[in-house]
Amino acid sequence: MSEETHGAASAPDKFHRELGDLKARLLELAQAAESAIESSFTALLHQDPDLARQVITGDHTVNSLEEAIDLDCIRLIALFQPVAIDLRILMAVDHISAELERIGDSATNIAEEVLNLQHLPAQPVHYGVPRMAQRVQEMVRQSLQAFLTHDTNLAREVCMVDDEVDSLDRAIIQDLLMGMSVDPAAIPPGICQINIVRNLERVGDHATNIAEQVVFMVEGENVRHRCQG
């Protein structure tokens, strides 16, 4: 085999090796983002300021991983000029890494509200918040599983759950606002809880966006804003 022929044959192999490495880094980012959102909620339930601070400090790792993945996606596209499914995978990885970084941001926001609550009158966590947190964490896990297995059915199931999360968001906030309207002392901690609920709702949105990227990656169809249908 000539050197030119060997080079042409080895280029796809090199691309797929590098793509495999890129996916491994995406999983590392996913684990960091999942851990951050889980820890931020644990800090809320147990009123653990030390754990909340760990989440805030750890956001630097999430940001650094996302930046490195973004640069690698650009480099691989420029170097190998992939097409079809290979290009869609790279585009999906780049978009998913950005969504994971935003999940890390939401975890940090929740952790900051946990610290704020330390200086306010004690107020029980709204009974609907644990259910909402459980659902959004499931959405994140399942959207990433759909990516790993190229499972568009699972991806669409994730999108369907977002309706439930949105309903919980509205119901919990309405309850908190009612409590604040009759008890002025409930206003400051109530605002903190509303901010937490809104960040959980955003995590559900990011998981939905990841699921939509899976459908695009596998089927080549852009289903943004209509994945649920």
Protein backbone atom coordinates (compact mmCIF):
# COMPACT_ATOMS: atom_id res chain seq x y z
CA MET A 1 0.00 0.00 0.00
CA SER A 2 1.37 3.41 -0.97
CA GLU A 3 1.90 6.09 1.66
CA GLU A 4 -0.85 8.19 0.07
CA THR A 5 -3.32 5.29 0.08
CA HIS A 6 -2.37 4.39 3.65
CA GLY A 7 -2.90 7.99 4.74
CA ALA A 8 -6.33 8.11 3.12
CA ALA A 9 -7.28 4.85 4.78
CA SER A 10 -6.03 5.85 8.23
CA ALA A 11 -7.69 9.28 8.33
CA PRO A 12 -11.17 7.90 9.11
CA ASP A 13 -9.67 5.68 11.81
CA LYS A 14 -7.91 8.65 13.37
CA PHE A 15 -11.10 10.70 13.23
CA HIS A 16 -13.14 8.02 14.98
CA ARG A 17 -10.46 7.54 17.64
CA GLU A 18 -10.51 11.25 18.34
CA LEU A 19 -14.30 11.26 18.28
CA GLY A 20 -14.25 8.49 20.87
CA ASP A 21 -11.95 10.56 23.06
CA LEU A 22 -14.28 13.53 22.64
CA LYS A 23 -17.28 11.49 23.74
CA ALA A 24 -15.33 10.35 26.79
CA ARG A 25 -14.71 13.98 27.75
CA LEU A 26 -18.39 14.73 27.21
CA LEU A 27 -19.24 11.96 29.67
CA GLU A 28 -16.81 13.47 32.15
CA LEU A 29 -18.62 16.79 31.77
CA ALA A 30 -21.98 15.06 32.11
CA GLN A 31 -20.91 13.40 35.35
CA ALA A 32 -19.70 16.74 36.73
CA ALA A 33 -22.94 18.51 35.80
CA GLU A 34 -25.13 15.69 37.16
CA SER A 35 -23.15 15.65 40.40
CA ALA A 36 -23.49 19.42 40.72
CA ILE A 37 -27.27 19.44 40.40
CA GLU A 38 -27.64 16.48 42.77
CA SER A 39 -25.32 18.08 45.35
CA SER A 40 -27.06 21.44 45.13
CA PHE A 41 -30.40 19.82 45.89
CA THR A 42 -28.92 17.75 48.73
CA ALA A 43 -27.49 20.98 50.15
CA LEU A 44 -30.99 22.49 50.01
CA LEU A 45 -32.71 19.58 51.75
CA HIS A 46 -30.11 19.34 54.50
CA GLN A 47 -29.36 23.06 54.67
CA ASP A 48 -25.68 22.25 54.17
CA PRO A 49 -23.73 25.43 53.37
CA ASP A 50 -20.41 23.59 53.01
CA LEU A 51 -21.83 21.35 50.29
CA ALA A 52 -23.36 24.40 48.61
CA ARG A 53 -19.95 26.06 48.54
CA GLN A 54 -18.43 22.94 47.00
CA VAL A 55 -20.95 23.14 44.16
CA ILE A 56 -20.10 26.79 43.56
CA THR A 57 -16.36 26.09 43.57
CA GLY A 58 -16.77 23.09 41.27
CA ASP A 59 -18.42 25.17 38.55
CA HIS A 60 -14.95 26.10 37.31
CA THR A 61 -14.35 22.46 36.36
CA VAL A 62 -17.62 22.29 34.42
CA ASN A 63 -16.79 25.50 32.55
CA SER A 64 -13.27 24.34 31.67
CA LEU A 65 -14.50 20.99 30.34
CA GLU A 66 -17.14 22.68 28.18
CA GLU A 67 -14.61 25.10 26.71
CA ALA A 68 -12.19 22.27 25.88
CA ILE A 69 -14.93 20.21 24.19
CA ASP A 70 -16.07 23.20 22.13
CA LEU A 71 -12.53 23.82 20.88
CA ASP A 72 -12.06 20.14 20.03
CA CYS A 73 -15.30 20.06 18.05
CA ILE A 74 -14.16 23.02 15.99
CA ARG A 75 -10.73 21.44 15.48
CA LEU A 76 -12.13 18.09 14.33
CA ILE A 77 -14.53 19.72 11.89
CA ALA A 78 -11.75 21.83 10.40
CA LEU A 79 -9.24 18.98 10.27
CA PHE A 80 -11.39 16.11 8.98
CA GLN A 81 -14.35 17.90 7.36
CA PRO A 82 -16.80 15.14 8.37
CA VAL A 83 -20.16 14.71 6.67
CA ALA A 84 -23.53 13.07 7.37
CA ILE A 85 -23.78 11.22 10.70
CA ASP A 86 -20.20 12.03 11.73
CA LEU A 87 -20.83 15.74 11.34
CA ARG A 88 -24.15 15.50 13.16
CA ILE A 89 -22.48 13.69 16.05
CA LEU A 90 -19.90 16.45 16.38
CA MET A 91 -22.57 19.12 16.24
CA ALA A 92 -24.61 17.25 18.84
CA VAL A 93 -21.61 16.89 21.16
CA ASP A 94 -20.93 20.62 20.90
CA HIS A 95 -24.56 21.55 21.63
CA ILE A 96 -24.90 19.00 24.44
CA SER A 97 -21.74 20.22 26.15
CA ALA A 98 -23.18 23.74 26.16
CA GLU A 99 -26.43 22.47 27.70
CA LEU A 100 -24.47 20.60 30.38
CA GLU A 101 -22.53 23.75 31.20
CA ARG A 102 -25.82 25.57 31.70
CA ILE A 103 -27.03 22.78 33.97
CA GLY A 104 -23.90 23.42 36.01
CA ASP A 105 -24.82 27.11 36.12
CA SER A 106 -28.28 26.25 37.43
CA ALA A 107 -26.75 24.03 40.10
CA THR A 108 -24.54 26.95 41.14
CA ASN A 109 -27.56 29.26 41.28
CA ILE A 110 -29.39 26.80 43.53
CA ALA A 111 -26.35 26.49 45.78
CA GLU A 112 -26.17 30.28 46.08
CA GLU A 113 -29.80 30.37 47.16
CA VAL A 114 -29.02 27.73 49.80
CA LEU A 115 -26.43 30.11 51.22
CA ASN A 116 -28.91 32.97 51.10
CA LEU A 117 -31.44 30.91 53.06
CA GLN A 118 -28.94 30.55 55.89
CA HIS A 119 -29.52 34.22 56.78
CA LEU A 120 -33.34 34.17 56.55
CA PRO A 121 -36.20 32.94 58.72
CA ALA A 122 -36.49 29.17 58.47
CA GLN A 123 -39.11 27.93 56.00
CA PRO A 124 -39.80 24.29 55.06
CA VAL A 125 -38.94 23.35 51.49
CA HIS A 126 -42.17 23.25 49.48
CA TYR A 127 -43.45 19.68 49.35
CA GLY A 128 -43.47 19.72 45.53
CA VAL A 129 -39.79 20.63 45.14
CA PRO A 130 -38.35 17.14 45.84
CA ARG A 131 -40.66 15.66 43.19
CA MET A 132 -39.62 18.31 40.70
CA ALA A 133 -35.93 17.81 41.45
CA GLN A 134 -36.30 14.06 41.01
CA ARG A 135 -37.97 14.46 37.64
CA VAL A 136 -35.41 16.88 36.22
CA GLN A 137 -32.53 14.68 37.37
CA GLU A 138 -34.19 11.72 35.66
CA MET A 139 -34.57 13.82 32.51
CA VAL A 140 -30.86 14.65 32.49
CA ARG A 141 -29.84 11.02 32.99
CA GLN A 142 -32.23 9.72 30.36
CA SER A 143 -31.30 12.35 27.78
CA LEU A 144 -27.63 11.37 28.14
CA GLN A 145 -28.53 7.67 27.96
CA ALA A 146 -30.43 8.42 24.75
CA PHE A 147 -27.29 10.07 23.36
CA LEU A 148 -25.06 7.12 24.26
CA THR A 149 -27.45 4.55 22.78
CA HIS A 150 -28.78 6.67 19.88
CA ASP A 151 -32.27 5.99 21.27
CA THR A 152 -34.66 8.51 19.76
CA ASN A 153 -37.68 6.94 21.46
CA LEU A 154 -36.13 7.59 24.87
CA ALA A 155 -35.21 11.09 23.74
CA ARG A 156 -38.81 11.82 22.88
CA GLU A 157 -39.94 10.44 26.24
CA VAL A 158 -37.65 12.98 27.92
CA CYS A 159 -39.36 15.75 25.97
CA MET A 160 -42.77 14.55 27.16
CA VAL A 161 -41.72 14.75 30.82
CA ASP A 162 -40.94 18.44 30.38
CA ASP A 163 -44.69 19.19 30.41
CA GLU A 164 -44.93 17.70 33.91
CA VAL A 165 -41.95 19.73 35.10
CA ASP A 166 -43.48 22.92 33.71
CA SER A 167 -46.73 22.15 35.53
CA LEU A 168 -44.89 21.59 38.80
CA ASP A 169 -43.03 24.86 38.27
CA ARG A 170 -46.27 26.81 37.92
CA ALA A 171 -48.05 25.07 40.81
CA ILE A 172 -45.19 25.41 43.29
CA ILE A 173 -44.60 29.06 42.50
CA GLN A 174 -48.31 29.81 42.83
CA ASP A 175 -48.36 28.16 46.27
CA LEU A 176 -45.29 30.08 47.40
CA LEU A 177 -46.76 33.37 46.21
CA MET A 178 -49.98 32.69 48.12
CA GLY A 179 -47.99 32.02 51.28
CA MET A 180 -46.02 35.21 50.80
CA SER A 181 -49.22 37.23 50.33
CA VAL A 182 -50.53 36.32 53.80
CA ASP A 183 -47.22 36.30 55.70
CA PRO A 184 -44.68 39.05 55.03
CA ALA A 185 -42.02 37.07 56.91
CA ALA A 186 -42.33 34.35 54.25
CA ILE A 187 -41.37 36.72 51.44
CA PRO A 188 -37.53 36.57 51.59
CA PRO A 189 -37.26 32.76 51.94
CA GLY A 190 -40.13 32.38 49.48
CA ILE A 191 -38.25 34.36 46.86
CA CYS A 192 -35.23 32.09 47.36
CA GLN A 193 -37.39 29.01 46.85
CA ILE A 194 -38.96 30.51 43.73
CA ASN A 195 -35.48 31.08 42.32
CA ILE A 196 -34.61 27.47 43.09
CA VAL A 197 -37.75 26.21 41.38
CA ARG A 198 -37.08 28.32 38.30
CA ASN A 199 -33.55 26.91 38.07
CA LEU A 200 -34.91 23.37 38.31
CA GLU A 201 -37.30 24.19 35.48
CA ARG A 202 -34.35 25.42 33.41
CA VAL A 203 -32.52 22.14 34.02
CA GLY A 204 -35.56 20.36 32.56
CA ASP A 205 -35.36 22.65 29.53
CA HIS A 206 -31.67 21.84 29.07
CA ALA A 207 -32.37 18.10 29.29
CA THR A 208 -35.08 18.55 26.65
CA ASN A 209 -32.61 20.39 24.43
CA ILE A 210 -30.16 17.49 24.79
CA ALA A 211 -32.92 15.05 23.81
CA GLU A 212 -33.74 17.14 20.74
CA GLN A 213 -30.08 17.01 19.73
CA VAL A 214 -30.21 13.21 19.93
CA VAL A 215 -33.12 13.11 17.48
CA PHE A 216 -31.25 15.45 15.13
CA MET A 217 -28.05 13.43 15.42
CA VAL A 218 -29.69 10.08 14.66
CA GLU A 219 -32.46 11.05 12.24
CA GLY A 220 -31.10 14.26 10.74
CA GLU A 221 -34.34 16.04 11.63
CA ASN A 222 -34.45 19.31 13.50
CA VAL A 223 -37.20 18.88 16.10
CA ARG A 224 -36.51 21.90 18.26
CA HIS A 225 -39.69 23.11 19.98
CA ARG A 226 -41.68 20.15 18.62
CA CYS A 227 -39.90 17.10 20.04
CA GLN A 228 -42.96 16.44 22.17
CA GLY A 229 -45.23 15.97 19.23
